[in-house]
N, C-alpha and C. Protein backbone atom coordinates (compact mmCIF):
# COMPACT_ATOMS: atom_id res chain seq x y z
N MET A 1 -54.00 -63.89 -57.21
CA MET A 1 -52.73 -64.42 -57.65
C MET A 1 -52.96 -65.53 -58.66
N HIS A 2 -52.12 -65.53 -59.66
CA HIS A 2 -52.23 -66.57 -60.68
C HIS A 2 -51.19 -67.63 -60.39
N ARG A 3 -51.60 -68.85 -60.47
CA ARG A 3 -50.67 -69.97 -60.28
C ARG A 3 -50.10 -70.36 -61.63
N LEU A 4 -48.86 -70.78 -61.64
CA LEU A 4 -48.23 -71.24 -62.86
C LEU A 4 -48.78 -72.61 -63.23
N PRO A 5 -48.92 -72.87 -64.53
CA PRO A 5 -49.34 -74.22 -64.94
C PRO A 5 -48.31 -75.23 -64.45
N LEU A 6 -48.75 -76.44 -64.20
CA LEU A 6 -47.90 -77.50 -63.66
C LEU A 6 -46.62 -77.69 -64.47
N ALA A 7 -46.73 -77.64 -65.79
CA ALA A 7 -45.57 -77.88 -66.65
C ALA A 7 -44.51 -76.81 -66.50
N SER A 8 -44.87 -75.58 -66.12
CA SER A 8 -43.88 -74.52 -66.04
C SER A 8 -43.34 -74.31 -64.62
N ARG A 9 -43.80 -75.10 -63.64
CA ARG A 9 -43.28 -74.99 -62.28
C ARG A 9 -41.89 -75.60 -62.20
N PRO A 10 -41.03 -75.04 -61.38
CA PRO A 10 -39.72 -75.66 -61.19
C PRO A 10 -39.88 -76.98 -60.45
N PRO A 11 -39.08 -77.97 -60.80
CA PRO A 11 -39.22 -79.27 -60.14
C PRO A 11 -38.81 -79.17 -58.67
N GLY A 12 -39.57 -79.84 -57.81
CA GLY A 12 -39.24 -79.90 -56.38
C GLY A 12 -38.12 -80.90 -56.16
N PRO A 13 -37.63 -81.01 -54.95
CA PRO A 13 -36.52 -81.91 -54.70
C PRO A 13 -36.86 -83.37 -54.99
N HIS A 14 -38.11 -83.76 -54.77
CA HIS A 14 -38.49 -85.14 -55.04
C HIS A 14 -38.63 -85.42 -56.53
N ARG A 15 -38.78 -84.36 -57.34
CA ARG A 15 -38.90 -84.55 -58.78
C ARG A 15 -37.59 -84.30 -59.52
N ALA A 16 -36.56 -83.83 -58.82
CA ALA A 16 -35.30 -83.50 -59.48
C ALA A 16 -34.63 -84.75 -60.03
N ALA A 17 -34.66 -85.84 -59.28
CA ALA A 17 -34.01 -87.07 -59.73
C ALA A 17 -34.73 -87.62 -60.95
N ALA A 18 -36.07 -87.59 -60.93
CA ALA A 18 -36.84 -88.10 -62.06
C ALA A 18 -36.57 -87.23 -63.29
N ALA A 19 -36.48 -85.93 -63.11
CA ALA A 19 -36.22 -85.03 -64.23
C ALA A 19 -34.83 -85.26 -64.79
N ALA A 20 -33.88 -85.62 -63.95
CA ALA A 20 -32.51 -85.83 -64.40
C ALA A 20 -32.40 -87.07 -65.27
N HIS A 21 -33.29 -88.05 -65.06
CA HIS A 21 -33.21 -89.29 -65.82
C HIS A 21 -33.97 -89.23 -67.16
N ARG A 22 -34.82 -88.23 -67.33
CA ARG A 22 -35.55 -88.10 -68.59
C ARG A 22 -34.61 -87.63 -69.70
N ALA A 23 -35.00 -87.93 -70.90
CA ALA A 23 -34.20 -87.50 -72.05
C ALA A 23 -34.24 -85.97 -72.14
N PRO A 24 -33.09 -85.36 -72.41
CA PRO A 24 -33.06 -83.90 -72.49
C PRO A 24 -33.96 -83.40 -73.62
N GLN A 25 -34.71 -82.35 -73.36
CA GLN A 25 -35.59 -81.78 -74.37
C GLN A 25 -35.29 -80.30 -74.53
N ARG A 26 -35.52 -79.80 -75.73
CA ARG A 26 -35.40 -78.37 -75.97
C ARG A 26 -36.81 -77.80 -75.84
N THR A 27 -36.95 -76.82 -75.00
CA THR A 27 -38.27 -76.23 -74.81
C THR A 27 -38.19 -74.73 -75.02
N THR A 28 -39.34 -74.16 -75.27
CA THR A 28 -39.40 -72.71 -75.38
C THR A 28 -40.42 -72.21 -74.38
N THR A 29 -40.13 -71.09 -73.78
CA THR A 29 -41.07 -70.49 -72.84
C THR A 29 -41.19 -69.02 -73.16
N ALA A 30 -42.34 -68.46 -72.89
CA ALA A 30 -42.54 -67.04 -73.13
C ALA A 30 -42.22 -66.29 -71.87
N CYS A 31 -41.41 -65.25 -72.01
CA CYS A 31 -41.05 -64.45 -70.85
C CYS A 31 -41.01 -62.99 -71.29
N CYS A 32 -41.84 -62.19 -70.70
CA CYS A 32 -41.87 -60.77 -70.98
C CYS A 32 -42.02 -60.48 -72.48
N GLY A 33 -42.80 -61.26 -73.16
CA GLY A 33 -43.06 -61.00 -74.57
C GLY A 33 -41.97 -61.49 -75.49
N ARG A 34 -40.88 -62.04 -75.00
CA ARG A 34 -39.82 -62.56 -75.86
C ARG A 34 -39.77 -64.07 -75.75
N LEU A 35 -39.32 -64.71 -76.78
CA LEU A 35 -39.12 -66.16 -76.75
C LEU A 35 -37.69 -66.45 -76.33
N LYS A 36 -37.56 -67.43 -75.46
CA LYS A 36 -36.23 -67.78 -74.97
C LYS A 36 -36.09 -69.29 -75.06
N GLN A 37 -34.97 -69.77 -75.60
CA GLN A 37 -34.74 -71.20 -75.69
C GLN A 37 -33.85 -71.64 -74.54
N GLU A 38 -34.28 -72.73 -73.87
CA GLU A 38 -33.45 -73.28 -72.80
C GLU A 38 -32.42 -74.22 -73.39
N ALA A 39 -31.28 -74.21 -72.80
CA ALA A 39 -30.21 -75.08 -73.29
C ALA A 39 -30.45 -76.52 -72.83
N THR A 40 -29.92 -77.45 -73.59
CA THR A 40 -29.99 -78.87 -73.22
C THR A 40 -29.07 -79.09 -72.02
N PRO A 41 -29.54 -79.79 -70.99
CA PRO A 41 -28.69 -80.00 -69.82
C PRO A 41 -27.44 -80.79 -70.18
N SER A 42 -26.33 -80.43 -69.58
CA SER A 42 -25.08 -81.10 -69.86
C SER A 42 -24.98 -82.40 -69.06
N PHE A 43 -24.05 -83.24 -69.46
CA PHE A 43 -23.82 -84.50 -68.75
C PHE A 43 -23.41 -84.23 -67.30
N ALA A 44 -22.60 -83.22 -67.08
CA ALA A 44 -22.13 -82.88 -65.72
C ALA A 44 -23.29 -82.49 -64.82
N SER A 45 -24.24 -81.70 -65.34
CA SER A 45 -25.37 -81.30 -64.51
C SER A 45 -26.27 -82.49 -64.19
N LEU A 46 -26.40 -83.42 -65.15
CA LEU A 46 -27.17 -84.63 -64.89
C LEU A 46 -26.47 -85.49 -63.82
N ALA A 47 -25.15 -85.59 -63.89
CA ALA A 47 -24.40 -86.38 -62.92
C ALA A 47 -24.51 -85.79 -61.52
N VAL A 48 -24.46 -84.46 -61.44
CA VAL A 48 -24.59 -83.79 -60.14
C VAL A 48 -25.98 -84.05 -59.56
N ALA A 49 -27.01 -83.94 -60.40
CA ALA A 49 -28.38 -84.17 -59.94
C ALA A 49 -28.56 -85.61 -59.48
N ALA A 50 -27.99 -86.56 -60.23
CA ALA A 50 -28.10 -87.97 -59.85
C ALA A 50 -27.35 -88.24 -58.56
N SER A 51 -26.18 -87.64 -58.40
CA SER A 51 -25.40 -87.82 -57.18
C SER A 51 -26.14 -87.27 -55.97
N ALA A 52 -26.74 -86.09 -56.12
CA ALA A 52 -27.49 -85.49 -55.02
C ALA A 52 -28.69 -86.35 -54.65
N ALA A 53 -29.36 -86.90 -55.66
CA ALA A 53 -30.51 -87.77 -55.39
C ALA A 53 -30.06 -89.04 -54.67
N ALA A 54 -28.92 -89.59 -55.06
CA ALA A 54 -28.41 -90.80 -54.39
C ALA A 54 -28.05 -90.52 -52.94
N GLU A 55 -27.47 -89.35 -52.67
CA GLU A 55 -27.12 -89.00 -51.28
C GLU A 55 -28.38 -88.85 -50.43
N ARG A 56 -29.41 -88.21 -51.02
CA ARG A 56 -30.67 -88.06 -50.27
C ARG A 56 -31.30 -89.41 -50.00
N ALA A 57 -31.18 -90.34 -50.91
CA ALA A 57 -31.78 -91.67 -50.75
C ALA A 57 -30.98 -92.52 -49.77
N ALA A 58 -29.66 -92.32 -49.68
CA ALA A 58 -28.81 -93.15 -48.83
C ALA A 58 -29.12 -92.95 -47.35
N THR A 59 -29.35 -91.73 -46.93
CA THR A 59 -29.61 -91.46 -45.52
C THR A 59 -30.85 -92.18 -45.02
N PRO A 60 -31.99 -92.10 -45.71
CA PRO A 60 -33.15 -92.85 -45.23
C PRO A 60 -32.93 -94.36 -45.27
N LEU A 61 -32.17 -94.85 -46.25
CA LEU A 61 -31.90 -96.28 -46.32
C LEU A 61 -31.09 -96.74 -45.11
N LEU A 62 -30.07 -95.96 -44.74
CA LEU A 62 -29.27 -96.32 -43.57
C LEU A 62 -30.12 -96.26 -42.30
N ALA A 63 -30.95 -95.24 -42.21
CA ALA A 63 -31.83 -95.13 -41.03
C ALA A 63 -32.79 -96.30 -40.98
N ALA A 64 -33.34 -96.70 -42.12
CA ALA A 64 -34.26 -97.83 -42.16
C ALA A 64 -33.55 -99.12 -41.77
N ALA A 65 -32.32 -99.31 -42.24
CA ALA A 65 -31.56 -100.51 -41.88
C ALA A 65 -31.29 -100.55 -40.38
N ALA A 66 -30.92 -99.43 -39.79
CA ALA A 66 -30.67 -99.39 -38.35
C ALA A 66 -31.96 -99.65 -37.58
N LEU A 67 -33.07 -99.13 -38.07
CA LEU A 67 -34.36 -99.34 -37.41
C LEU A 67 -34.74 -100.82 -37.47
N LEU A 68 -34.57 -101.44 -38.64
CA LEU A 68 -34.89 -102.87 -38.77
C LEU A 68 -34.00 -103.71 -37.87
N LEU A 69 -32.72 -103.38 -37.82
CA LEU A 69 -31.79 -104.13 -36.98
C LEU A 69 -32.15 -103.99 -35.51
N SER A 70 -32.49 -102.79 -35.09
CA SER A 70 -32.85 -102.61 -33.68
C SER A 70 -34.19 -103.25 -33.37
N ALA A 71 -35.10 -103.31 -34.35
CA ALA A 71 -36.39 -103.96 -34.11
C ALA A 71 -36.21 -105.48 -34.05
N ALA A 72 -35.28 -106.00 -34.87
CA ALA A 72 -35.05 -107.44 -34.88
C ALA A 72 -34.43 -107.90 -33.57
N SER A 73 -33.53 -107.12 -33.00
CA SER A 73 -32.96 -107.47 -31.70
C SER A 73 -32.98 -106.22 -30.84
N PRO A 74 -34.02 -106.06 -30.03
CA PRO A 74 -34.20 -104.84 -29.24
C PRO A 74 -32.97 -104.50 -28.40
N GLY A 75 -32.63 -103.23 -28.42
CA GLY A 75 -31.49 -102.76 -27.63
C GLY A 75 -30.15 -103.06 -28.26
N PHE A 76 -30.13 -103.60 -29.47
CA PHE A 76 -28.86 -104.00 -30.09
C PHE A 76 -27.89 -102.84 -30.19
N LEU A 77 -28.35 -101.72 -30.75
CA LEU A 77 -27.43 -100.61 -30.95
C LEU A 77 -26.96 -100.00 -29.64
N ALA A 78 -27.82 -99.97 -28.67
CA ALA A 78 -27.45 -99.37 -27.39
C ALA A 78 -26.67 -100.32 -26.51
N SER A 79 -26.91 -101.63 -26.63
CA SER A 79 -26.32 -102.54 -25.67
C SER A 79 -25.11 -103.30 -26.20
N THR A 80 -24.80 -103.19 -27.45
CA THR A 80 -23.67 -103.92 -27.96
C THR A 80 -22.38 -103.26 -27.50
N PRO A 81 -21.59 -103.97 -26.68
CA PRO A 81 -20.35 -103.36 -26.19
C PRO A 81 -19.35 -103.18 -27.32
N SER A 82 -18.50 -102.18 -27.20
CA SER A 82 -17.47 -101.99 -28.21
C SER A 82 -16.48 -103.14 -28.14
N ALA A 83 -15.69 -103.30 -29.18
CA ALA A 83 -14.70 -104.39 -29.20
C ALA A 83 -13.71 -104.23 -28.05
N PHE A 84 -13.34 -102.99 -27.75
CA PHE A 84 -12.41 -102.75 -26.66
C PHE A 84 -13.01 -103.18 -25.33
N ALA A 85 -14.27 -102.79 -25.08
CA ALA A 85 -14.93 -103.17 -23.83
C ALA A 85 -15.10 -104.68 -23.76
N GLN A 86 -15.39 -105.32 -24.89
CA GLN A 86 -15.49 -106.78 -24.91
C GLN A 86 -14.17 -107.43 -24.53
N SER A 87 -13.06 -106.95 -25.10
CA SER A 87 -11.77 -107.56 -24.80
C SER A 87 -11.36 -107.30 -23.35
N GLU A 88 -11.65 -106.09 -22.85
CA GLU A 88 -11.36 -105.79 -21.44
C GLU A 88 -12.22 -106.65 -20.53
N GLY A 89 -13.49 -106.80 -20.88
CA GLY A 89 -14.40 -107.65 -20.11
C GLY A 89 -13.94 -109.10 -20.11
N ALA A 90 -13.49 -109.58 -21.27
CA ALA A 90 -13.00 -110.96 -21.37
C ALA A 90 -11.75 -111.15 -20.51
N ALA A 91 -10.85 -110.17 -20.51
CA ALA A 91 -9.63 -110.27 -19.68
C ALA A 91 -9.99 -110.30 -18.20
N LEU A 92 -10.93 -109.45 -17.77
CA LEU A 92 -11.37 -109.45 -16.37
C LEU A 92 -12.06 -110.77 -16.02
N PHE A 93 -12.86 -111.29 -16.95
CA PHE A 93 -13.56 -112.55 -16.71
C PHE A 93 -12.55 -113.68 -16.52
N ARG A 94 -11.52 -113.71 -17.39
CA ARG A 94 -10.46 -114.73 -17.25
C ARG A 94 -9.76 -114.60 -15.90
N LYS A 95 -9.54 -113.38 -15.46
CA LYS A 95 -8.81 -113.12 -14.22
C LYS A 95 -9.62 -113.48 -12.97
N ALA A 96 -10.90 -113.11 -12.93
CA ALA A 96 -11.66 -113.22 -11.69
C ALA A 96 -12.75 -114.30 -11.68
N CYS A 97 -13.25 -114.71 -12.83
CA CYS A 97 -14.47 -115.53 -12.86
C CYS A 97 -14.31 -116.93 -13.44
N ILE A 98 -13.35 -117.09 -14.32
CA ILE A 98 -13.28 -118.32 -15.11
C ILE A 98 -13.04 -119.57 -14.25
N GLY A 99 -12.49 -119.40 -13.06
CA GLY A 99 -12.27 -120.54 -12.18
C GLY A 99 -13.55 -121.28 -11.86
N CYS A 100 -14.65 -120.58 -11.68
CA CYS A 100 -15.94 -121.20 -11.38
C CYS A 100 -16.89 -121.17 -12.58
N HIS A 101 -16.73 -120.20 -13.47
CA HIS A 101 -17.71 -119.98 -14.55
C HIS A 101 -17.11 -120.19 -15.94
N ASP A 102 -16.27 -121.20 -16.12
CA ASP A 102 -15.69 -121.46 -17.43
C ASP A 102 -16.79 -121.71 -18.46
N MET A 103 -16.71 -121.02 -19.59
CA MET A 103 -17.68 -121.12 -20.69
C MET A 103 -19.12 -120.84 -20.23
N GLY A 104 -19.27 -120.01 -19.18
CA GLY A 104 -20.60 -119.62 -18.72
C GLY A 104 -21.24 -120.61 -17.78
N GLY A 105 -20.55 -121.68 -17.45
CA GLY A 105 -21.11 -122.68 -16.53
C GLY A 105 -20.93 -122.26 -15.08
N ASN A 106 -21.09 -123.23 -14.18
CA ASN A 106 -20.87 -122.99 -12.76
C ASN A 106 -20.48 -124.32 -12.14
N ILE A 107 -19.20 -124.47 -11.74
CA ILE A 107 -18.73 -125.76 -11.23
C ILE A 107 -19.20 -126.01 -9.79
N LEU A 108 -19.58 -124.97 -9.06
CA LEU A 108 -20.01 -125.14 -7.67
C LEU A 108 -21.52 -125.33 -7.54
N GLN A 109 -22.28 -124.70 -8.41
CA GLN A 109 -23.74 -124.73 -8.31
C GLN A 109 -24.31 -124.79 -9.73
N PRO A 110 -24.56 -126.01 -10.24
CA PRO A 110 -24.97 -126.17 -11.64
C PRO A 110 -26.22 -125.38 -12.05
N GLY A 111 -27.13 -125.06 -11.16
CA GLY A 111 -28.34 -124.30 -11.51
C GLY A 111 -28.12 -122.80 -11.56
N ALA A 112 -26.89 -122.36 -11.29
CA ALA A 112 -26.59 -120.92 -11.29
C ALA A 112 -25.54 -120.60 -12.34
N THR A 113 -25.79 -121.05 -13.56
CA THR A 113 -24.85 -120.78 -14.65
C THR A 113 -25.05 -119.34 -15.13
N LEU A 114 -24.22 -118.94 -16.06
CA LEU A 114 -24.33 -117.61 -16.65
C LEU A 114 -25.05 -117.64 -18.00
N TYR A 115 -25.80 -118.72 -18.24
CA TYR A 115 -26.64 -118.78 -19.45
C TYR A 115 -27.93 -118.03 -19.17
N MET A 116 -28.49 -117.44 -20.20
CA MET A 116 -29.64 -116.55 -20.05
C MET A 116 -30.80 -117.20 -19.31
N LYS A 117 -31.11 -118.47 -19.60
CA LYS A 117 -32.27 -119.10 -18.93
C LYS A 117 -32.05 -119.19 -17.42
N ASP A 118 -30.82 -119.48 -16.98
CA ASP A 118 -30.54 -119.53 -15.54
C ASP A 118 -30.49 -118.13 -14.93
N LEU A 119 -29.93 -117.18 -15.67
CA LEU A 119 -29.89 -115.80 -15.16
C LEU A 119 -31.31 -115.28 -14.93
N GLU A 120 -32.20 -115.52 -15.91
CA GLU A 120 -33.58 -115.08 -15.77
C GLU A 120 -34.29 -115.79 -14.61
N ARG A 121 -34.09 -117.10 -14.51
CA ARG A 121 -34.73 -117.86 -13.44
C ARG A 121 -34.25 -117.40 -12.06
N ASN A 122 -32.99 -117.02 -11.96
CA ASN A 122 -32.41 -116.61 -10.68
C ASN A 122 -32.51 -115.10 -10.43
N GLY A 123 -33.16 -114.37 -11.34
CA GLY A 123 -33.39 -112.94 -11.14
C GLY A 123 -32.18 -112.06 -11.30
N VAL A 124 -31.25 -112.46 -12.14
CA VAL A 124 -30.05 -111.63 -12.39
C VAL A 124 -29.79 -111.48 -13.89
N ALA A 125 -30.83 -111.15 -14.65
CA ALA A 125 -30.70 -111.08 -16.10
C ALA A 125 -30.34 -109.70 -16.64
N THR A 126 -30.33 -108.68 -15.80
CA THR A 126 -29.97 -107.34 -16.29
C THR A 126 -28.54 -107.01 -15.87
N GLU A 127 -27.96 -106.01 -16.53
CA GLU A 127 -26.60 -105.60 -16.18
C GLU A 127 -26.53 -105.09 -14.74
N ASP A 128 -27.56 -104.38 -14.29
CA ASP A 128 -27.57 -103.88 -12.91
C ASP A 128 -27.57 -105.02 -11.91
N GLU A 129 -28.38 -106.04 -12.16
CA GLU A 129 -28.43 -107.19 -11.26
C GLU A 129 -27.11 -107.96 -11.28
N LEU A 130 -26.52 -108.09 -12.47
CA LEU A 130 -25.21 -108.76 -12.58
C LEU A 130 -24.15 -107.96 -11.83
N TYR A 131 -24.23 -106.63 -11.95
CA TYR A 131 -23.30 -105.76 -11.23
C TYR A 131 -23.43 -106.00 -9.72
N ASN A 132 -24.67 -105.98 -9.20
CA ASN A 132 -24.89 -106.14 -7.76
C ASN A 132 -24.39 -107.48 -7.23
N ILE A 133 -24.67 -108.55 -7.96
CA ILE A 133 -24.22 -109.87 -7.48
C ILE A 133 -22.70 -109.98 -7.55
N THR A 134 -22.09 -109.36 -8.54
CA THR A 134 -20.63 -109.39 -8.64
C THR A 134 -20.01 -108.52 -7.55
N TYR A 135 -20.62 -107.41 -7.24
CA TYR A 135 -20.07 -106.50 -6.23
C TYR A 135 -20.24 -107.07 -4.81
N TYR A 136 -21.46 -107.53 -4.48
CA TYR A 136 -21.76 -107.94 -3.10
C TYR A 136 -21.76 -109.44 -2.88
N GLY A 137 -21.82 -110.23 -3.96
CA GLY A 137 -21.89 -111.68 -3.82
C GLY A 137 -23.28 -112.15 -3.49
N LYS A 138 -23.48 -113.48 -3.57
CA LYS A 138 -24.78 -114.07 -3.24
C LYS A 138 -24.59 -115.57 -3.12
N GLY A 139 -25.07 -116.15 -2.03
CA GLY A 139 -24.92 -117.60 -1.85
C GLY A 139 -23.45 -117.99 -1.82
N ARG A 140 -23.08 -118.92 -2.68
CA ARG A 140 -21.67 -119.37 -2.75
C ARG A 140 -20.78 -118.42 -3.54
N MET A 141 -21.38 -117.48 -4.22
CA MET A 141 -20.56 -116.54 -5.01
C MET A 141 -20.07 -115.42 -4.13
N PRO A 142 -18.76 -115.24 -4.08
CA PRO A 142 -18.22 -114.13 -3.28
C PRO A 142 -18.38 -112.79 -4.00
N GLY A 143 -18.46 -111.73 -3.23
CA GLY A 143 -18.49 -110.39 -3.80
C GLY A 143 -17.08 -109.92 -4.10
N PHE A 144 -16.94 -109.13 -5.15
CA PHE A 144 -15.63 -108.63 -5.55
C PHE A 144 -15.51 -107.12 -5.41
N GLY A 145 -16.55 -106.44 -4.91
CA GLY A 145 -16.53 -104.99 -4.79
C GLY A 145 -15.62 -104.51 -3.68
N GLU A 146 -15.11 -103.30 -3.85
CA GLU A 146 -14.18 -102.72 -2.87
C GLU A 146 -14.84 -102.54 -1.50
N LYS A 147 -16.13 -102.27 -1.48
CA LYS A 147 -16.83 -102.04 -0.21
C LYS A 147 -17.77 -103.19 0.14
N CYS A 148 -17.47 -104.38 -0.36
CA CYS A 148 -18.31 -105.55 -0.10
C CYS A 148 -18.25 -105.91 1.38
N THR A 149 -19.43 -106.15 1.97
CA THR A 149 -19.53 -106.63 3.35
C THR A 149 -20.70 -107.61 3.41
N PRO A 150 -20.83 -108.53 4.29
CA PRO A 150 -19.89 -108.83 5.37
C PRO A 150 -18.65 -109.53 4.83
N ARG A 151 -17.62 -109.48 5.61
CA ARG A 151 -16.31 -109.98 5.20
C ARG A 151 -16.35 -111.42 4.69
N GLY A 152 -17.10 -112.28 5.33
CA GLY A 152 -17.18 -113.69 4.92
C GLY A 152 -17.86 -113.90 3.58
N GLN A 153 -18.66 -112.95 3.13
CA GLN A 153 -19.35 -113.06 1.85
C GLN A 153 -18.48 -112.58 0.69
N CYS A 154 -17.38 -111.92 0.98
CA CYS A 154 -16.56 -111.29 -0.06
C CYS A 154 -15.31 -112.13 -0.34
N THR A 155 -14.76 -111.91 -1.51
CA THR A 155 -13.55 -112.62 -1.89
C THR A 155 -12.40 -112.26 -0.98
N PHE A 156 -11.52 -113.22 -0.76
CA PHE A 156 -10.31 -112.95 0.02
C PHE A 156 -9.18 -112.51 -0.91
N GLY A 157 -9.42 -112.61 -2.20
CA GLY A 157 -8.44 -112.17 -3.19
C GLY A 157 -8.58 -110.68 -3.44
N PRO A 158 -7.92 -110.21 -4.48
CA PRO A 158 -7.97 -108.78 -4.80
C PRO A 158 -9.39 -108.35 -5.19
N ARG A 159 -9.77 -107.17 -4.76
CA ARG A 159 -11.08 -106.60 -5.08
C ARG A 159 -11.01 -105.90 -6.44
N LEU A 160 -12.18 -105.72 -7.02
CA LEU A 160 -12.28 -105.03 -8.32
C LEU A 160 -12.87 -103.64 -8.13
N VAL A 161 -12.39 -102.70 -8.92
CA VAL A 161 -12.94 -101.35 -8.87
C VAL A 161 -14.29 -101.34 -9.59
N GLU A 162 -15.08 -100.32 -9.31
CA GLU A 162 -16.44 -100.23 -9.83
C GLU A 162 -16.51 -100.33 -11.36
N ASP A 163 -15.61 -99.64 -12.06
CA ASP A 163 -15.63 -99.67 -13.53
C ASP A 163 -15.35 -101.07 -14.06
N ASP A 164 -14.48 -101.81 -13.39
CA ASP A 164 -14.19 -103.18 -13.82
C ASP A 164 -15.42 -104.08 -13.63
N ILE A 165 -16.14 -103.87 -12.55
CA ILE A 165 -17.34 -104.68 -12.31
C ILE A 165 -18.41 -104.33 -13.36
N LYS A 166 -18.50 -103.06 -13.75
CA LYS A 166 -19.44 -102.66 -14.80
C LYS A 166 -19.07 -103.34 -16.13
N LEU A 167 -17.77 -103.37 -16.44
CA LEU A 167 -17.31 -104.05 -17.66
C LEU A 167 -17.65 -105.53 -17.61
N LEU A 168 -17.42 -106.16 -16.47
CA LEU A 168 -17.75 -107.57 -16.31
C LEU A 168 -19.23 -107.83 -16.50
N ALA A 169 -20.07 -107.00 -15.90
CA ALA A 169 -21.52 -107.17 -16.02
C ALA A 169 -21.95 -107.06 -17.49
N ALA A 170 -21.41 -106.08 -18.20
CA ALA A 170 -21.74 -105.91 -19.62
C ALA A 170 -21.24 -107.10 -20.44
N PHE A 171 -20.04 -107.58 -20.12
CA PHE A 171 -19.47 -108.72 -20.83
C PHE A 171 -20.31 -109.97 -20.60
N VAL A 172 -20.66 -110.26 -19.36
CA VAL A 172 -21.45 -111.45 -19.04
C VAL A 172 -22.82 -111.37 -19.71
N LYS A 173 -23.46 -110.20 -19.67
CA LYS A 173 -24.77 -110.02 -20.30
C LYS A 173 -24.67 -110.28 -21.81
N SER A 174 -23.65 -109.73 -22.45
CA SER A 174 -23.46 -109.92 -23.89
C SER A 174 -23.21 -111.39 -24.22
N GLN A 175 -22.36 -112.04 -23.45
CA GLN A 175 -22.07 -113.45 -23.68
C GLN A 175 -23.32 -114.30 -23.49
N ALA A 176 -24.09 -114.01 -22.44
CA ALA A 176 -25.31 -114.78 -22.17
C ALA A 176 -26.32 -114.62 -23.30
N GLU A 177 -26.47 -113.39 -23.81
CA GLU A 177 -27.41 -113.15 -24.91
C GLU A 177 -27.00 -113.88 -26.17
N ASN A 178 -25.71 -114.16 -26.31
CA ASN A 178 -25.20 -114.83 -27.51
C ASN A 178 -24.89 -116.31 -27.28
N GLY A 179 -25.32 -116.88 -26.17
CA GLY A 179 -25.11 -118.30 -25.91
C GLY A 179 -23.69 -118.67 -25.53
N TRP A 180 -22.96 -117.78 -24.96
CA TRP A 180 -21.58 -117.96 -24.54
C TRP A 180 -20.66 -118.46 -25.66
N PRO A 181 -20.46 -117.61 -26.67
CA PRO A 181 -19.49 -117.99 -27.71
C PRO A 181 -18.09 -118.03 -27.12
N LYS A 182 -17.22 -118.70 -27.79
CA LYS A 182 -15.84 -118.87 -27.32
C LYS A 182 -15.18 -117.50 -27.12
N ILE A 183 -14.49 -117.36 -26.01
CA ILE A 183 -13.78 -116.12 -25.69
C ILE A 183 -12.39 -116.22 -26.28
N ASP A 184 -11.91 -115.14 -26.90
CA ASP A 184 -10.53 -115.14 -27.43
C ASP A 184 -9.59 -115.53 -26.32
N GLY A 185 -8.70 -116.49 -26.62
CA GLY A 185 -7.74 -116.93 -25.62
C GLY A 185 -8.19 -118.20 -24.90
N ASP A 186 -9.45 -118.66 -25.13
CA ASP A 186 -9.91 -119.91 -24.52
C ASP A 186 -9.19 -121.07 -25.18
N GLY A 187 -9.01 -122.09 -24.44
CA GLY A 187 -8.45 -123.33 -25.00
C GLY A 187 -9.50 -124.03 -25.82
N ASP A 188 -9.10 -125.04 -26.60
CA ASP A 188 -10.07 -125.78 -27.43
C ASP A 188 -10.85 -126.69 -26.65
């Protein structure tokens, strides 16, 4: 088999964009003993080629940006709650937690705040651990789960359903990771 010379090969996808930016040239090629002149590429064909090259380049750039963002803050894309979940979590926090944990603090036990350094020191830095302590309680903190026992360890107020406790755990984890920024609706 004979290979075509490099100059007469059709451009690959990685060379199409470079070819589109070069100045149009008139070339002649021999085909079946006859000479054939190629037409000069039109502006529209150059625009289409440039657009296609830009689309191919955009996808890797977006992927690279997402990769850099996730590398800069591990778990960012997976753990960032949606705005709706954040607002629902904030509403639940105001309803059930803010009495003792205003702005992430703890009015009953100063060493058990909801700031990341205290959560880590007390072994409740993950969403699962936050869920368990909110559901069953611990120490002076009452449990809010529907099946919380023993009775004296659980809140005497209304209990929270499992999905609400999951939202609270995600909200508290997000707030702790961000240093407890002001919650919408907080006073000054």
